[in-house]
Full PDB file with SEQRES, HELIX, SHEET, SSBOND, CRYST1, ORIGX, SCALE, CONECT and MASTER records, all heavy atoms in Angstrom:
SEQRES   1 A   32  VAL LEU GLY PHE ALA ARG THR GLU ASN PRO LYS SER ILE          
SEQRES   2 A   32  ARG GLN ALA LEU ARG ALA PRO ARG LEU ARG TRP SER MET          
SEQRES   3 A   32  ILE GLY GLY ALA LEU LEU                                      
HELIX    1 AA1 LEU A    2  GLU A    8  1                                   7    
HELIX    2 AA2 ILE A   13  ALA A   16  1                                   4    
HELIX    3 AA3 PRO A   20  LEU A   31  1                                  12    
CRYST1    1.000    1.000    1.000  90.00  90.00  90.00 P 1           1          
ORIGX1      1.000000  0.000000  0.000000        0.00000                         
ORIGX2      0.000000  1.000000  0.000000        0.00000                         
ORIGX3      0.000000  0.000000  1.000000        0.00000                         
SCALE1      1.000000  0.000000  0.000000        0.00000                         
SCALE2      0.000000  1.000000  0.000000        0.00000                         
SCALE3      0.000000  0.000000  1.000000        0.00000                         
ATOM      1  N   VAL A   1       3.069   3.923   3.787  1.00  0.00           N  
ATOM      2  CA  VAL A   1       2.091   3.143   3.031  1.00  0.00           C  
ATOM      3  C   VAL A   1       2.315   1.650   3.287  1.00  0.00           C  
ATOM      4  O   VAL A   1       1.347   0.898   3.465  1.00  0.00           O  
ATOM      5  CB  VAL A   1       2.174   3.469   1.523  1.00  0.00           C  
ATOM      6  CG1 VAL A   1       1.352   2.482   0.710  1.00  0.00           C  
ATOM      7  CG2 VAL A   1       1.704   4.872   1.268  1.00  0.00           C  
ATOM      8  N   LEU A   2       3.552   1.221   3.341  1.00  0.00           N  
ATOM      9  CA  LEU A   2       3.832  -0.186   3.641  1.00  0.00           C  
ATOM     10  C   LEU A   2       3.323  -0.542   5.043  1.00  0.00           C  
ATOM     11  O   LEU A   2       2.808  -1.639   5.269  1.00  0.00           O  
ATOM     12  CB  LEU A   2       5.313  -0.486   3.524  1.00  0.00           C  
ATOM     13  CG  LEU A   2       5.856  -0.599   2.110  1.00  0.00           C  
ATOM     14  CD1 LEU A   2       7.368  -0.803   2.138  1.00  0.00           C  
ATOM     15  CD2 LEU A   2       5.202  -1.731   1.358  1.00  0.00           C  
ATOM     16  N   GLY A   3       3.465   0.365   5.991  1.00  0.00           N  
ATOM     17  CA  GLY A   3       2.961   0.132   7.327  1.00  0.00           C  
ATOM     18  C   GLY A   3       1.443  -0.010   7.353  1.00  0.00           C  
ATOM     19  O   GLY A   3       0.902  -0.880   8.016  1.00  0.00           O  
ATOM     20  N   PHE A   4       0.747   0.879   6.628  1.00  0.00           N  
ATOM     21  CA  PHE A   4      -0.703   0.774   6.545  1.00  0.00           C  
ATOM     22  C   PHE A   4      -1.119  -0.513   5.856  1.00  0.00           C  
ATOM     23  O   PHE A   4      -2.085  -1.157   6.265  1.00  0.00           O  
ATOM     24  CB  PHE A   4      -1.288   1.975   5.800  1.00  0.00           C  
ATOM     25  CG  PHE A   4      -1.341   3.220   6.614  1.00  0.00           C  
ATOM     26  CD1 PHE A   4      -0.747   4.378   6.139  1.00  0.00           C  
ATOM     27  CD2 PHE A   4      -1.974   3.266   7.832  1.00  0.00           C  
ATOM     28  CE1 PHE A   4      -0.777   5.539   6.882  1.00  0.00           C  
ATOM     29  CE2 PHE A   4      -2.021   4.435   8.590  1.00  0.00           C  
ATOM     30  CZ  PHE A   4      -1.417   5.576   8.107  1.00  0.00           C  
ATOM     31  N   ALA A   5      -0.397  -0.893   4.805  1.00  0.00           N  
ATOM     32  CA  ALA A   5      -0.720  -2.124   4.098  1.00  0.00           C  
ATOM     33  C   ALA A   5      -0.560  -3.336   5.015  1.00  0.00           C  
ATOM     34  O   ALA A   5      -1.334  -4.283   4.968  1.00  0.00           O  
ATOM     35  CB  ALA A   5       0.164  -2.280   2.861  1.00  0.00           C  
ATOM     36  N   ARG A   6       0.455  -3.279   5.862  1.00  0.00           N  
ATOM     37  CA  ARG A   6       0.686  -4.391   6.786  1.00  0.00           C  
ATOM     38  C   ARG A   6      -0.438  -4.513   7.805  1.00  0.00           C  
ATOM     39  O   ARG A   6      -0.820  -5.617   8.178  1.00  0.00           O  
ATOM     40  CB  ARG A   6       2.041  -4.181   7.482  1.00  0.00           C  
ATOM     41  CG  ARG A   6       2.425  -5.261   8.397  1.00  0.00           C  
ATOM     42  CD  ARG A   6       2.779  -6.483   7.631  1.00  0.00           C  
ATOM     43  NE  ARG A   6       3.257  -7.502   8.554  1.00  0.00           N  
ATOM     44  CZ  ARG A   6       3.526  -8.706   8.197  1.00  0.00           C  
ATOM     45  NH1 ARG A   6       3.391  -9.067   6.948  1.00  0.00           N  
ATOM     46  NH2 ARG A   6       3.925  -9.582   9.067  1.00  0.00           N  
ATOM     47  N   THR A   7      -0.969  -3.387   8.254  1.00  0.00           N  
ATOM     48  CA  THR A   7      -2.072  -3.449   9.238  1.00  0.00           C  
ATOM     49  C   THR A   7      -3.390  -3.824   8.587  1.00  0.00           C  
ATOM     50  O   THR A   7      -4.221  -4.458   9.232  1.00  0.00           O  
ATOM     51  CB  THR A   7      -2.244  -2.102   9.964  1.00  0.00           C  
ATOM     52  OG1 THR A   7      -2.509  -1.092   9.013  1.00  0.00           O  
ATOM     53  CG2 THR A   7      -0.999  -1.755  10.758  1.00  0.00           C  
ATOM     54  N   GLU A   8      -3.593  -3.476   7.314  1.00  0.00           N  
ATOM     55  CA  GLU A   8      -4.840  -3.816   6.655  1.00  0.00           C  
ATOM     56  C   GLU A   8      -4.923  -5.275   6.278  1.00  0.00           C  
ATOM     57  O   GLU A   8      -5.976  -5.883   6.330  1.00  0.00           O  
ATOM     58  CB  GLU A   8      -5.034  -2.953   5.396  1.00  0.00           C  
ATOM     59  CG  GLU A   8      -5.474  -1.566   5.719  1.00  0.00           C  
ATOM     60  CD  GLU A   8      -6.029  -0.841   4.515  1.00  0.00           C  
ATOM     61  OE1 GLU A   8      -6.195  -1.465   3.461  1.00  0.00           O  
ATOM     62  OE2 GLU A   8      -6.307   0.357   4.650  1.00  0.00           O  
ATOM     63  N   ASN A   9      -3.823  -5.849   5.848  1.00  0.00           N  
ATOM     64  CA  ASN A   9      -3.812  -7.246   5.459  1.00  0.00           C  
ATOM     65  C   ASN A   9      -2.485  -7.855   5.915  1.00  0.00           C  
ATOM     66  O   ASN A   9      -1.519  -7.895   5.154  1.00  0.00           O  
ATOM     67  CB  ASN A   9      -3.976  -7.370   3.941  1.00  0.00           C  
ATOM     68  CG  ASN A   9      -4.269  -8.788   3.505  1.00  0.00           C  
ATOM     69  OD1 ASN A   9      -4.131  -9.724   4.283  1.00  0.00           O  
ATOM     70  ND2 ASN A   9      -4.671  -8.948   2.265  1.00  0.00           N  
ATOM     71  N   PRO A  10      -2.428  -8.367   7.144  1.00  0.00           N  
ATOM     72  CA  PRO A  10      -1.161  -8.859   7.677  1.00  0.00           C  
ATOM     73  C   PRO A  10      -0.613 -10.084   6.954  1.00  0.00           C  
ATOM     74  O   PRO A  10       0.568 -10.372   7.024  1.00  0.00           O  
ATOM     75  CB  PRO A  10      -1.477  -9.182   9.135  1.00  0.00           C  
ATOM     76  CG  PRO A  10      -2.928  -9.050   9.314  1.00  0.00           C  
ATOM     77  CD  PRO A  10      -3.508  -8.426   8.105  1.00  0.00           C  
ATOM     78  N   LYS A  11      -1.468 -10.802   6.228  1.00  0.00           N  
ATOM     79  CA  LYS A  11      -0.992 -12.005   5.537  1.00  0.00           C  
ATOM     80  C   LYS A  11      -0.276 -11.677   4.234  1.00  0.00           C  
ATOM     81  O   LYS A  11       0.676 -12.336   3.882  1.00  0.00           O  
ATOM     82  CB  LYS A  11      -2.155 -12.953   5.276  1.00  0.00           C  
ATOM     83  CG  LYS A  11      -2.738 -13.558   6.528  1.00  0.00           C  
ATOM     84  CD  LYS A  11      -3.814 -14.543   6.205  1.00  0.00           C  
ATOM     85  CE  LYS A  11      -4.376 -15.118   7.507  1.00  0.00           C  
ATOM     86  NZ  LYS A  11      -5.454 -16.062   7.242  1.00  0.00           N  
ATOM     87  N   SER A  12      -0.774 -10.672   3.510  1.00  0.00           N  
ATOM     88  CA  SER A  12      -0.179 -10.375   2.202  1.00  0.00           C  
ATOM     89  C   SER A  12      -0.181  -8.861   1.959  1.00  0.00           C  
ATOM     90  O   SER A  12      -1.240  -8.264   1.703  1.00  0.00           O  
ATOM     91  CB  SER A  12      -0.957 -11.078   1.089  1.00  0.00           C  
ATOM     92  OG  SER A  12      -0.459 -10.693  -0.166  1.00  0.00           O  
ATOM     93  N   ILE A  13       0.994  -8.287   2.007  1.00  0.00           N  
ATOM     94  CA  ILE A  13       1.129  -6.862   1.716  1.00  0.00           C  
ATOM     95  C   ILE A  13       0.793  -6.585   0.259  1.00  0.00           C  
ATOM     96  O   ILE A  13       0.209  -5.569  -0.088  1.00  0.00           O  
ATOM     97  CB  ILE A  13       2.543  -6.369   2.048  1.00  0.00           C  
ATOM     98  CG1 ILE A  13       2.766  -6.441   3.557  1.00  0.00           C  
ATOM     99  CG2 ILE A  13       2.774  -4.953   1.566  1.00  0.00           C  
ATOM    100  CD1 ILE A  13       4.156  -6.071   3.986  1.00  0.00           C  
ATOM    101  N   ARG A  14       1.131  -7.531  -0.606  1.00  0.00           N  
ATOM    102  CA  ARG A  14       0.877  -7.365  -2.047  1.00  0.00           C  
ATOM    103  C   ARG A  14      -0.609  -7.184  -2.323  1.00  0.00           C  
ATOM    104  O   ARG A  14      -1.011  -6.340  -3.103  1.00  0.00           O  
ATOM    105  CB  ARG A  14       1.408  -8.576  -2.810  1.00  0.00           C  
ATOM    106  CG  ARG A  14       1.230  -8.438  -4.315  1.00  0.00           C  
ATOM    107  CD  ARG A  14       1.747  -9.621  -5.054  1.00  0.00           C  
ATOM    108  NE  ARG A  14       3.199  -9.620  -4.925  1.00  0.00           N  
ATOM    109  CZ  ARG A  14       3.974 -10.553  -5.450  1.00  0.00           C  
ATOM    110  NH1 ARG A  14       3.439 -11.562  -6.108  1.00  0.00           N  
ATOM    111  NH2 ARG A  14       5.255 -10.495  -5.343  1.00  0.00           N  
ATOM    112  N   GLN A  15      -1.454  -7.978  -1.659  1.00  0.00           N  
ATOM    113  CA  GLN A  15      -2.896  -7.825  -1.858  1.00  0.00           C  
ATOM    114  C   GLN A  15      -3.400  -6.503  -1.301  1.00  0.00           C  
ATOM    115  O   GLN A  15      -4.267  -5.857  -1.883  1.00  0.00           O  
ATOM    116  CB  GLN A  15      -3.640  -8.974  -1.183  1.00  0.00           C  
ATOM    117  CG  GLN A  15      -3.512 -10.287  -1.901  1.00  0.00           C  
ATOM    118  CD  GLN A  15      -4.242 -11.406  -1.186  1.00  0.00           C  
ATOM    119  OE1 GLN A  15      -4.642 -11.264  -0.030  1.00  0.00           O  
ATOM    120  NE2 GLN A  15      -4.395 -12.525  -1.873  1.00  0.00           N  
ATOM    121  N   ALA A  16      -2.854  -6.068  -0.179  1.00  0.00           N  
ATOM    122  CA  ALA A  16      -3.266  -4.787   0.398  1.00  0.00           C  
ATOM    123  C   ALA A  16      -2.878  -3.622  -0.504  1.00  0.00           C  
ATOM    124  O   ALA A  16      -3.616  -2.640  -0.610  1.00  0.00           O  
ATOM    125  CB  ALA A  16      -2.657  -4.618   1.785  1.00  0.00           C  
ATOM    126  N   LEU A  17      -1.716  -3.713  -1.153  1.00  0.00           N  
ATOM    127  CA  LEU A  17      -1.270  -2.623  -2.023  1.00  0.00           C  
ATOM    128  C   LEU A  17      -2.072  -2.536  -3.311  1.00  0.00           C  
ATOM    129  O   LEU A  17      -1.909  -1.588  -4.069  1.00  0.00           O  
ATOM    130  CB  LEU A  17       0.224  -2.776  -2.339  1.00  0.00           C  
ATOM    131  CG  LEU A  17       1.163  -2.456  -1.177  1.00  0.00           C  
ATOM    132  CD1 LEU A  17       2.602  -2.754  -1.576  1.00  0.00           C  
ATOM    133  CD2 LEU A  17       1.017  -1.025  -0.728  1.00  0.00           C  
ATOM    134  N   ARG A  18      -2.906  -3.508  -3.582  1.00  0.00           N  
ATOM    135  CA  ARG A  18      -3.773  -3.434  -4.759  1.00  0.00           C  
ATOM    136  C   ARG A  18      -4.934  -2.463  -4.548  1.00  0.00           C  
ATOM    137  O   ARG A  18      -5.576  -2.062  -5.504  1.00  0.00           O  
ATOM    138  CB  ARG A  18      -4.303  -4.819  -5.115  1.00  0.00           C  
ATOM    139  CG  ARG A  18      -3.237  -5.707  -5.692  1.00  0.00           C  
ATOM    140  CD  ARG A  18      -3.789  -7.017  -6.149  1.00  0.00           C  
ATOM    141  NE  ARG A  18      -2.708  -7.878  -6.610  1.00  0.00           N  
ATOM    142  CZ  ARG A  18      -2.751  -9.180  -6.619  1.00  0.00           C  
ATOM    143  NH1 ARG A  18      -3.816  -9.804  -6.183  1.00  0.00           N  
ATOM    144  NH2 ARG A  18      -1.726  -9.868  -7.055  1.00  0.00           N  
ATOM    145  N   ALA A  19      -5.184  -2.104  -3.295  1.00  0.00           N  
ATOM    146  CA  ALA A  19      -6.239  -1.116  -3.030  1.00  0.00           C  
ATOM    147  C   ALA A  19      -5.840   0.203  -3.670  1.00  0.00           C  
ATOM    148  O   ALA A  19      -4.690   0.631  -3.549  1.00  0.00           O  
ATOM    149  CB  ALA A  19      -6.416  -0.950  -1.514  1.00  0.00           C  
ATOM    150  N   PRO A  20      -6.770   0.843  -4.372  1.00  0.00           N  
ATOM    151  CA  PRO A  20      -6.411   2.054  -5.135  1.00  0.00           C  
ATOM    152  C   PRO A  20      -5.763   3.155  -4.292  1.00  0.00           C  
ATOM    153  O   PRO A  20      -4.798   3.770  -4.719  1.00  0.00           O  
ATOM    154  CB  PRO A  20      -7.745   2.506  -5.720  1.00  0.00           C  
ATOM    155  CG  PRO A  20      -8.586   1.296  -5.782  1.00  0.00           C  
ATOM    156  CD  PRO A  20      -8.156   0.442  -4.613  1.00  0.00           C  
ATOM    157  N   ARG A  21      -6.293   3.404  -3.104  1.00  0.00           N  
ATOM    158  CA  ARG A  21      -5.735   4.518  -2.311  1.00  0.00           C  
ATOM    159  C   ARG A  21      -4.307   4.226  -1.868  1.00  0.00           C  
ATOM    160  O   ARG A  21      -3.473   5.130  -1.851  1.00  0.00           O  
ATOM    161  CB  ARG A  21      -6.639   4.843  -1.124  1.00  0.00           C  
ATOM    162  CG  ARG A  21      -6.730   3.770  -0.110  1.00  0.00           C  
ATOM    163  CD  ARG A  21      -7.745   4.148   0.997  1.00  0.00           C  
ATOM    164  NE  ARG A  21      -7.915   3.042   1.908  1.00  0.00           N  
ATOM    165  CZ  ARG A  21      -7.147   2.866   2.974  1.00  0.00           C  
ATOM    166  NH1 ARG A  21      -6.195   3.708   3.254  1.00  0.00           N  
ATOM    167  NH2 ARG A  21      -7.359   1.844   3.771  1.00  0.00           N  
ATOM    168  N   LEU A  22      -3.997   2.977  -1.539  1.00  0.00           N  
ATOM    169  CA  LEU A  22      -2.634   2.654  -1.160  1.00  0.00           C  
ATOM    170  C   LEU A  22      -1.713   2.642  -2.379  1.00  0.00           C  
ATOM    171  O   LEU A  22      -0.565   3.060  -2.301  1.00  0.00           O  
ATOM    172  CB  LEU A  22      -2.581   1.303  -0.434  1.00  0.00           C  
ATOM    173  CG  LEU A  22      -3.227   1.244   0.943  1.00  0.00           C  
ATOM    174  CD1 LEU A  22      -3.095  -0.149   1.528  1.00  0.00           C  
ATOM    175  CD2 LEU A  22      -2.628   2.272   1.863  1.00  0.00           C  
ATOM    176  N   ARG A  23      -2.248   2.176  -3.487  1.00  0.00           N  
ATOM    177  CA  ARG A  23      -1.445   2.146  -4.726  1.00  0.00           C  
ATOM    178  C   ARG A  23      -1.077   3.557  -5.170  1.00  0.00           C  
ATOM    179  O   ARG A  23       0.060   3.849  -5.519  1.00  0.00           O  
ATOM    180  CB  ARG A  23      -2.235   1.428  -5.813  1.00  0.00           C  
ATOM    181  CG  ARG A  23      -1.439   1.145  -7.059  1.00  0.00           C  
ATOM    182  CD  ARG A  23      -2.249   0.262  -7.975  1.00  0.00           C  
ATOM    183  NE  ARG A  23      -1.558   0.026  -9.237  1.00  0.00           N  
ATOM    184  CZ  ARG A  23      -2.106  -0.528 -10.281  1.00  0.00           C  
ATOM    185  NH1 ARG A  23      -3.344  -0.938 -10.225  1.00  0.00           N  
ATOM    186  NH2 ARG A  23      -1.431  -0.676 -11.387  1.00  0.00           N  
ATOM    187  N   TRP A  24      -2.055   4.464  -5.133  1.00  0.00           N  
ATOM    188  CA  TRP A  24      -1.783   5.864  -5.537  1.00  0.00           C  
ATOM    189  C   TRP A  24      -0.846   6.534  -4.556  1.00  0.00           C  
ATOM    190  O   TRP A  24      -0.014   7.354  -4.956  1.00  0.00           O  
ATOM    191  CB  TRP A  24      -3.081   6.639  -5.701  1.00  0.00           C  
ATOM    192  CG  TRP A  24      -3.938   6.143  -6.831  1.00  0.00           C  
ATOM    193  CD1 TRP A  24      -3.523   5.510  -7.961  1.00  0.00           C  
ATOM    194  CD2 TRP A  24      -5.341   6.251  -6.930  1.00  0.00           C  
ATOM    195  NE1 TRP A  24      -4.592   5.211  -8.750  1.00  0.00           N  
ATOM    196  CE2 TRP A  24      -5.728   5.656  -8.141  1.00  0.00           C  
ATOM    197  CE3 TRP A  24      -6.324   6.785  -6.098  1.00  0.00           C  
ATOM    198  CZ2 TRP A  24      -7.043   5.579  -8.554  1.00  0.00           C  
ATOM    199  CZ3 TRP A  24      -7.645   6.710  -6.508  1.00  0.00           C  
ATOM    200  CH2 TRP A  24      -7.983   6.111  -7.729  1.00  0.00           C  
ATOM    201  N   SER A  25      -0.992   6.232  -3.296  1.00  0.00           N  
ATOM    202  CA  SER A  25      -0.082   6.804  -2.305  1.00  0.00           C  
ATOM    203  C   SER A  25       1.348   6.320  -2.514  1.00  0.00           C  
ATOM    204  O   SER A  25       2.304   7.090  -2.384  1.00  0.00           O  
ATOM    205  CB  SER A  25      -0.542   6.452  -0.889  1.00  0.00           C  
ATOM    206  OG  SER A  25      -1.813   6.979  -0.641  1.00  0.00           O  
ATOM    207  N   MET A  26       1.484   5.050  -2.838  1.00  0.00           N  
ATOM    208  CA  MET A  26       2.819   4.497  -3.104  1.00  0.00           C  
ATOM    209  C   MET A  26       3.425   5.137  -4.353  1.00  0.00           C  
ATOM    210  O   MET A  26       4.614   5.483  -4.367  1.00  0.00           O  
ATOM    211  CB  MET A  26       2.747   2.977  -3.254  1.00  0.00           C  
ATOM    212  CG  MET A  26       4.092   2.312  -3.379  1.00  0.00           C  
ATOM    213  SD  MET A  26       5.110   2.442  -1.916  1.00  0.00           S  
ATOM    214  CE  MET A  26       4.573   1.024  -1.020  1.00  0.00           C  
ATOM    215  N   ILE A  27       2.621   5.323  -5.381  1.00  0.00           N  
ATOM    216  CA  ILE A  27       3.094   5.973  -6.604  1.00  0.00           C  
ATOM    217  C   ILE A  27       3.490   7.424  -6.309  1.00  0.00           C  
ATOM    218  O   ILE A  27       4.505   7.919  -6.789  1.00  0.00           O  
ATOM    219  CB  ILE A  27       2.031   5.888  -7.721  1.00  0.00           C  
ATOM    220  CG1 ILE A  27       1.878   4.442  -8.191  1.00  0.00           C  
ATOM    221  CG2 ILE A  27       2.400   6.785  -8.901  1.00  0.00           C  
ATOM    222  CD1 ILE A  27       0.705   4.202  -9.114  1.00  0.00           C  
ATOM    223  N   GLY A  28       2.691   8.113  -5.492  1.00  0.00           N  
ATOM    224  CA  GLY A  28       3.011   9.490  -5.119  1.00  0.00           C  
ATOM    225  C   GLY A  28       4.328   9.583  -4.367  1.00  0.00           C  
ATOM    226  O   GLY A  28       5.144  10.472  -4.624  1.00  0.00           O  
ATOM    227  N   GLY A  29       4.554   8.662  -3.444  1.00  0.00           N  
ATOM    228  CA  GLY A  29       5.826   8.634  -2.715  1.00  0.00           C  
ATOM    229  C   GLY A  29       6.997   8.350  -3.637  1.00  0.00           C  
ATOM    230  O   GLY A  29       8.058   8.964  -3.524  1.00  0.00           O  
ATOM    231  N   ALA A  30       6.789   7.424  -4.565  1.00  0.00           N  
ATOM    232  CA  ALA A  30       7.849   7.100  -5.524  1.00  0.00           C  
ATOM    233  C   ALA A  30       8.138   8.297  -6.434  1.00  0.00           C  
ATOM    234  O   ALA A  30       9.298   8.541  -6.802  1.00  0.00           O  
ATOM    235  CB  ALA A  30       7.468   5.876  -6.345  1.00  0.00           C  
ATOM    236  N   LEU A  31       7.084   9.052  -6.799  1.00  0.00           N  
ATOM    237  CA  LEU A  31       7.280  10.249  -7.601  1.00  0.00           C  
ATOM    238  C   LEU A  31       8.097  11.311  -6.845  1.00  0.00           C  
ATOM    239  O   LEU A  31       8.977  11.941  -7.413  1.00  0.00           O  
ATOM    240  CB  LEU A  31       5.946  10.838  -8.038  1.00  0.00           C  
ATOM    241  CG  LEU A  31       5.376  10.318  -9.342  1.00  0.00           C  
ATOM    242  CD1 LEU A  31       3.946  10.802  -9.534  1.00  0.00           C  
ATOM    243  CD2 LEU A  31       6.236  10.731 -10.509  1.00  0.00           C  
ATOM    244  N   LEU A  32       7.771  11.493  -5.563  1.00  0.00           N  
ATOM    245  CA  LEU A  32       8.560  12.431  -4.752  1.00  0.00           C  
ATOM    246  C   LEU A  32      10.024  11.995  -4.678  1.00  0.00           C  
ATOM    247  O   LEU A  32      10.937  12.814  -4.769  1.00  0.00           O  
ATOM    248  CB  LEU A  32       7.985  12.522  -3.345  1.00  0.00           C  
ATOM    249  CG  LEU A  32       6.858  13.508  -3.110  1.00  0.00           C  
ATOM    250  CD1 LEU A  32       6.332  13.366  -1.693  1.00  0.00           C  
ATOM    251  CD2 LEU A  32       7.314  14.908  -3.377  1.00  0.00           C  
TER     252      LEU A  32                                                      
MASTER        0    0    0    3    0    0    0    6  251    1    0    3          
END                                                                             
């Protein structure tokens, strides 16, 4: 997910992780 966030918004990963699909994927990984 961090890799995808980096490719979607190379300037700010934090802004890219605000996208719902990336946020839910990150939460799912953290749950696992």
